[in-house]
Amino acid sequence: MKRHAWRIFTSLLFAVALIGCDRQAASSLPVTRMRIGAESFNLEIATSYHDQTVGLMHRDHLDADHGMIFPLPDETVQTFWNHDVHFPLDVVFLNAGGDIVSIVRLEAYNERGVSSEVPAKYAIELNAGTAARLKLKPGDHLDVPKDALAPPAK
């Protein structure tokens, strides 16, 4: 009986450890490679409403050369928040032509959200400080990869 209870205990302990590791589970989103400033980034493409709503939630970190791009349904003023995102982000907003229209910082767990303040068609989330390190500024042009140009699925 003690041996059986020990097996159950160790199995439960293993399951809890796996659940904890799941916070870094690989995303099922498609990934594109995009040149931003002088560097290349692997960007997950959040196209569906669900994927755009979840974004980078429930992750413990974002690798330095990774991020997420959001092809948005309309070129309008956009608002982003950092609900249940464990790290701060830079959000780079682009117009439909690929020009940076604004850059904002989102603190970890920011529930208030931040606005692009001007119409934007794309948002790119990167680790906080990346935009400054790359010396990005409004008016700079970025080439949005073809696989990220499609409007989001509704």
C-alpha atoms as a PDB file:
ATOM      1  CA  MET A   1       0.000   0.000   0.000  1.00  0.00           C
ATOM      2  CA  LYS A   2       2.816   2.433   0.872  1.00  0.00           C
ATOM      3  CA  ARG A   3       4.502   1.670  -2.452  1.00  0.00           C
ATOM      4  CA  HIS A   4       1.254   2.460  -4.321  1.00  0.00           C
ATOM      5  CA  ALA A   5       0.806   5.754  -2.423  1.00  0.00           C
ATOM      6  CA  TRP A   6       4.440   6.686  -3.177  1.00  0.00           C
ATOM      7  CA  ARG A   7       3.885   6.070  -6.902  1.00  0.00           C
ATOM      8  CA  ILE A   8       0.790   8.272  -6.879  1.00  0.00           C
ATOM      9  CA  PHE A   9       2.677  11.005  -5.011  1.00  0.00           C
ATOM     10  CA  THR A  10       5.634  10.966  -7.413  1.00  0.00           C
ATOM     11  CA  SER A  11       3.300  10.913 -10.427  1.00  0.00           C
ATOM     12  CA  LEU A  12       1.446  13.959  -9.109  1.00  0.00           C
ATOM     13  CA  LEU A  13       4.726  15.737  -8.364  1.00  0.00           C
ATOM     14  CA  PHE A  14       5.906  15.029 -11.923  1.00  0.00           C
ATOM     15  CA  ALA A  15       2.600  16.308 -13.348  1.00  0.00           C
ATOM     16  CA  VAL A  16       2.876  19.548 -11.344  1.00  0.00           C
ATOM     17  CA  ALA A  17       6.438  20.027 -12.611  1.00  0.00           C
ATOM     18  CA  LEU A  18       5.260  19.559 -16.194  1.00  0.00           C
ATOM     19  CA  ILE A  19       2.457  22.078 -15.739  1.00  0.00           C
ATOM     20  CA  GLY A  20       4.993  24.614 -14.449  1.00  0.00           C
ATOM     21  CA  CYS A  21       7.197  24.006 -17.483  1.00  0.00           C
ATOM     22  CA  ASP A  22       4.227  24.537 -19.796  1.00  0.00           C
ATOM     23  CA  ARG A  23       4.530  28.321 -19.317  1.00  0.00           C
ATOM     24  CA  GLN A  24       7.281  28.182 -21.925  1.00  0.00           C
ATOM     25  CA  ALA A  25       5.567  25.713 -24.237  1.00  0.00           C
ATOM     26  CA  ALA A  26       6.190  26.312 -27.908  1.00  0.00           C
ATOM     27  CA  SER A  27       3.539  28.404 -29.571  1.00  0.00           C
ATOM     28  CA  SER A  28       1.462  26.943 -32.370  1.00  0.00           C
ATOM     29  CA  LEU A  29       1.394  30.296 -34.173  1.00  0.00           C
ATOM     30  CA  PRO A  30       3.161  30.677 -37.520  1.00  0.00           C
ATOM     31  CA  VAL A  31       6.512  32.453 -37.336  1.00  0.00           C
ATOM     32  CA  THR A  32       8.025  34.886 -39.812  1.00  0.00           C
ATOM     33  CA  ARG A  33      11.473  36.432 -39.960  1.00  0.00           C
ATOM     34  CA  MET A  34      11.541  40.246 -40.055  1.00  0.00           C
ATOM     35  CA  ARG A  35      14.352  42.760 -40.228  1.00  0.00           C
ATOM     36  CA  ILE A  36      13.852  45.515 -37.658  1.00  0.00           C
ATOM     37  CA  GLY A  37      16.588  48.110 -37.599  1.00  0.00           C
ATOM     38  CA  ALA A  38      19.918  46.328 -37.936  1.00  0.00           C
ATOM     39  CA  GLU A  39      18.666  43.003 -36.547  1.00  0.00           C
ATOM     40  CA  SER A  40      16.450  40.107 -37.585  1.00  0.00           C
ATOM     41  CA  PHE A  41      13.638  38.856 -35.384  1.00  0.00           C
ATOM     42  CA  ASN A  42      11.472  35.739 -35.297  1.00  0.00           C
ATOM     43  CA  LEU A  43       7.937  37.085 -34.974  1.00  0.00           C
ATOM     44  CA  GLU A  44       4.925  34.958 -34.182  1.00  0.00           C
ATOM     45  CA  ILE A  45       2.004  36.050 -36.353  1.00  0.00           C
ATOM     46  CA  ALA A  46      -1.195  36.579 -34.349  1.00  0.00           C
ATOM     47  CA  THR A  47      -3.908  36.632 -36.989  1.00  0.00           C
ATOM     48  CA  SER A  48      -7.083  35.367 -35.322  1.00  0.00           C
ATOM     49  CA  TYR A  49      -9.076  37.348 -32.795  1.00  0.00           C
ATOM     50  CA  HIS A  50      -8.257  34.714 -30.161  1.00  0.00           C
ATOM     51  CA  ASP A  51      -4.517  34.776 -30.888  1.00  0.00           C
ATOM     52  CA  GLN A  52      -4.503  38.576 -30.819  1.00  0.00           C
ATOM     53  CA  THR A  53      -6.377  38.615 -27.517  1.00  0.00           C
ATOM     54  CA  VAL A  54      -4.021  36.105 -25.872  1.00  0.00           C
ATOM     55  CA  GLY A  55      -0.848  37.575 -27.399  1.00  0.00           C
ATOM     56  CA  LEU A  56       2.139  36.929 -25.114  1.00  0.00           C
ATOM     57  CA  MET A  57       0.099  36.137 -21.994  1.00  0.00           C
ATOM     58  CA  HIS A  58       1.197  33.326 -19.653  1.00  0.00           C
ATOM     59  CA  ARG A  59       4.842  33.374 -20.729  1.00  0.00           C
ATOM     60  CA  ASP A  60       7.735  33.972 -18.390  1.00  0.00           C
ATOM     61  CA  HIS A  61      10.024  35.650 -20.906  1.00  0.00           C
ATOM     62  CA  LEU A  62      10.591  36.504 -24.546  1.00  0.00           C
ATOM     63  CA  ASP A  63      13.886  35.653 -26.213  1.00  0.00           C
ATOM     64  CA  ALA A  64      15.872  38.721 -27.295  1.00  0.00           C
ATOM     65  CA  ASP A  65      15.403  37.999 -31.020  1.00  0.00           C
ATOM     66  CA  HIS A  66      11.697  37.136 -30.775  1.00  0.00           C
ATOM     67  CA  GLY A  67       8.437  39.040 -30.751  1.00  0.00           C
ATOM     68  CA  MET A  68       4.893  39.015 -32.072  1.00  0.00           C
ATOM     69  CA  ILE A  69       3.295  40.842 -34.989  1.00  0.00           C
ATOM     70  CA  PHE A  70      -0.397  41.671 -35.099  1.00  0.00           C
ATOM     71  CA  PRO A  71      -1.872  42.325 -38.571  1.00  0.00           C
ATOM     72  CA  LEU A  72      -4.952  44.273 -37.479  1.00  0.00           C
ATOM     73  CA  PRO A  73      -8.286  44.289 -39.323  1.00  0.00           C
ATOM     74  CA  ASP A  74      -8.520  48.064 -39.723  1.00  0.00           C
ATOM     75  CA  GLU A  75      -6.065  50.930 -39.848  1.00  0.00           C
ATOM     76  CA  THR A  76      -7.366  52.845 -36.862  1.00  0.00           C
ATOM     77  CA  VAL A  77      -6.151  53.988 -33.456  1.00  0.00           C
ATOM     78  CA  GLN A  78      -5.180  50.790 -31.625  1.00  0.00           C
ATOM     79  CA  THR A  79      -5.080  50.044 -27.891  1.00  0.00           C
ATOM     80  CA  PHE A  80      -2.924  47.306 -26.367  1.00  0.00           C
ATOM     81  CA  TRP A  81      -2.600  46.065 -22.801  1.00  0.00           C
ATOM     82  CA  ASN A  82      -0.276  43.673 -21.009  1.00  0.00           C
ATOM     83  CA  HIS A  83      -2.811  41.565 -19.134  1.00  0.00           C
ATOM     84  CA  ASP A  84      -1.042  38.589 -17.544  1.00  0.00           C
ATOM     85  CA  VAL A  85       2.198  39.300 -19.425  1.00  0.00           C
ATOM     86  CA  HIS A  86       5.086  38.830 -17.024  1.00  0.00           C
ATOM     87  CA  PHE A  87       7.572  41.247 -18.630  1.00  0.00           C
ATOM     88  CA  PRO A  88       7.548  44.770 -20.112  1.00  0.00           C
ATOM     89  CA  LEU A  89       7.245  45.278 -23.851  1.00  0.00           C
ATOM     90  CA  ASP A  90       7.834  47.848 -26.546  1.00  0.00           C
ATOM     91  CA  VAL A  91       4.914  48.076 -28.968  1.00  0.00           C
ATOM     92  CA  VAL A  92       5.894  49.413 -32.376  1.00  0.00           C
ATOM     93  CA  PHE A  93       2.855  50.562 -34.360  1.00  0.00           C
ATOM     94  CA  LEU A  94       3.033  50.693 -38.164  1.00  0.00           C
ATOM     95  CA  ASN A  95       0.686  52.098 -40.780  1.00  0.00           C
ATOM     96  CA  ALA A  96      -0.421  50.005 -43.760  1.00  0.00           C
ATOM     97  CA  GLY A  97       2.658  51.127 -45.701  1.00  0.00           C
ATOM     98  CA  GLY A  98       5.055  49.841 -43.023  1.00  0.00           C
ATOM     99  CA  ASP A  99       6.026  53.220 -41.588  1.00  0.00           C
ATOM    100  CA  ILE A 100       6.407  53.452 -37.805  1.00  0.00           C
ATOM    101  CA  VAL A 101       3.694  55.775 -36.514  1.00  0.00           C
ATOM    102  CA  SER A 102       4.324  55.387 -32.773  1.00  0.00           C
ATOM    103  CA  ILE A 103       6.278  53.411 -30.204  1.00  0.00           C
ATOM    104  CA  VAL A 104       4.964  52.838 -26.687  1.00  0.00           C
ATOM    105  CA  ARG A 105       6.153  50.896 -23.672  1.00  0.00           C
ATOM    106  CA  LEU A 106       3.894  48.500 -21.813  1.00  0.00           C
ATOM    107  CA  GLU A 107       4.832  47.581 -18.263  1.00  0.00           C
ATOM    108  CA  ALA A 108       4.344  44.011 -17.052  1.00  0.00           C
ATOM    109  CA  TYR A 109       0.742  43.287 -16.008  1.00  0.00           C
ATOM    110  CA  ASN A 110      -0.494  46.666 -17.339  1.00  0.00           C
ATOM    111  CA  GLU A 111      -4.284  46.415 -17.333  1.00  0.00           C
ATOM    112  CA  ARG A 112      -4.891  50.021 -18.460  1.00  0.00           C
ATOM    113  CA  GLY A 113      -3.483  49.681 -21.907  1.00  0.00           C
ATOM    114  CA  VAL A 114      -1.736  52.134 -24.168  1.00  0.00           C
ATOM    115  CA  SER A 115      -2.844  53.755 -27.405  1.00  0.00           C
ATOM    116  CA  SER A 116      -1.092  54.122 -30.726  1.00  0.00           C
ATOM    117  CA  GLU A 117      -2.598  57.662 -30.687  1.00  0.00           C
ATOM    118  CA  VAL A 118      -2.668  57.612 -34.500  1.00  0.00           C
ATOM    119  CA  PRO A 119      -4.093  55.051 -36.924  1.00  0.00           C
ATOM    120  CA  ALA A 120      -2.053  51.833 -37.199  1.00  0.00           C
ATOM    121  CA  LYS A 121      -2.501  48.640 -39.215  1.00  0.00           C
ATOM    122  CA  TYR A 122       0.219  46.556 -37.502  1.00  0.00           C
ATOM    123  CA  ALA A 123       1.616  46.246 -34.000  1.00  0.00           C
ATOM    124  CA  ILE A 124       4.880  44.518 -33.182  1.00  0.00           C
ATOM    125  CA  GLU A 125       5.620  43.521 -29.596  1.00  0.00           C
ATOM    126  CA  LEU A 126       9.288  43.271 -28.612  1.00  0.00           C
ATOM    127  CA  ASN A 127      11.123  43.156 -25.297  1.00  0.00           C
ATOM    128  CA  ALA A 128      11.153  46.546 -23.590  1.00  0.00           C
ATOM    129  CA  GLY A 129      14.186  48.587 -24.550  1.00  0.00           C
ATOM    130  CA  THR A 130      14.561  46.977 -27.978  1.00  0.00           C
ATOM    131  CA  ALA A 131      13.137  49.960 -29.880  1.00  0.00           C
ATOM    132  CA  ALA A 132      15.576  52.352 -28.161  1.00  0.00           C
ATOM    133  CA  ARG A 133      18.513  49.975 -28.644  1.00  0.00           C
ATOM    134  CA  LEU A 134      17.723  49.767 -32.369  1.00  0.00           C
ATOM    135  CA  LYS A 135      17.175  53.551 -32.479  1.00  0.00           C
ATOM    136  CA  LEU A 136      13.686  53.136 -33.978  1.00  0.00           C
ATOM    137  CA  LYS A 137      11.572  56.263 -34.319  1.00  0.00           C
ATOM    138  CA  PRO A 138       8.316  57.350 -35.940  1.00  0.00           C
ATOM    139  CA  GLY A 139       8.803  57.783 -39.676  1.00  0.00           C
ATOM    140  CA  ASP A 140      11.222  54.855 -40.003  1.00  0.00           C
ATOM    141  CA  HIS A 141      10.123  52.252 -42.549  1.00  0.00           C
ATOM    142  CA  LEU A 142       9.941  48.505 -41.898  1.00  0.00           C
ATOM    143  CA  ASP A 143       9.226  45.888 -44.556  1.00  0.00           C
ATOM    144  CA  VAL A 144       6.358  43.782 -43.244  1.00  0.00           C
ATOM    145  CA  PRO A 145       6.886  40.174 -44.404  1.00  0.00           C
ATOM    146  CA  LYS A 146       4.394  38.950 -46.998  1.00  0.00           C
ATOM    147  CA  ASP A 147       3.122  36.190 -44.708  1.00  0.00           C
ATOM    148  CA  ALA A 148       2.140  38.822 -42.122  1.00  0.00           C
ATOM    149  CA  LEU A 149       0.256  41.045 -44.589  1.00  0.00           C
ATOM    150  CA  ALA A 150      -2.968  39.043 -44.636  1.00  0.00           C
ATOM    151  CA  PRO A 151      -5.840  40.545 -42.654  1.00  0.00           C
ATOM    152  CA  PRO A 152      -6.741  38.625 -39.495  1.00  0.00           C
ATOM    153  CA  ALA A 153      -9.301  35.852 -39.687  1.00  0.00           C
ATOM    154  CA  LYS A 154     -12.636  36.831 -38.176  1.00  0.00           C
END
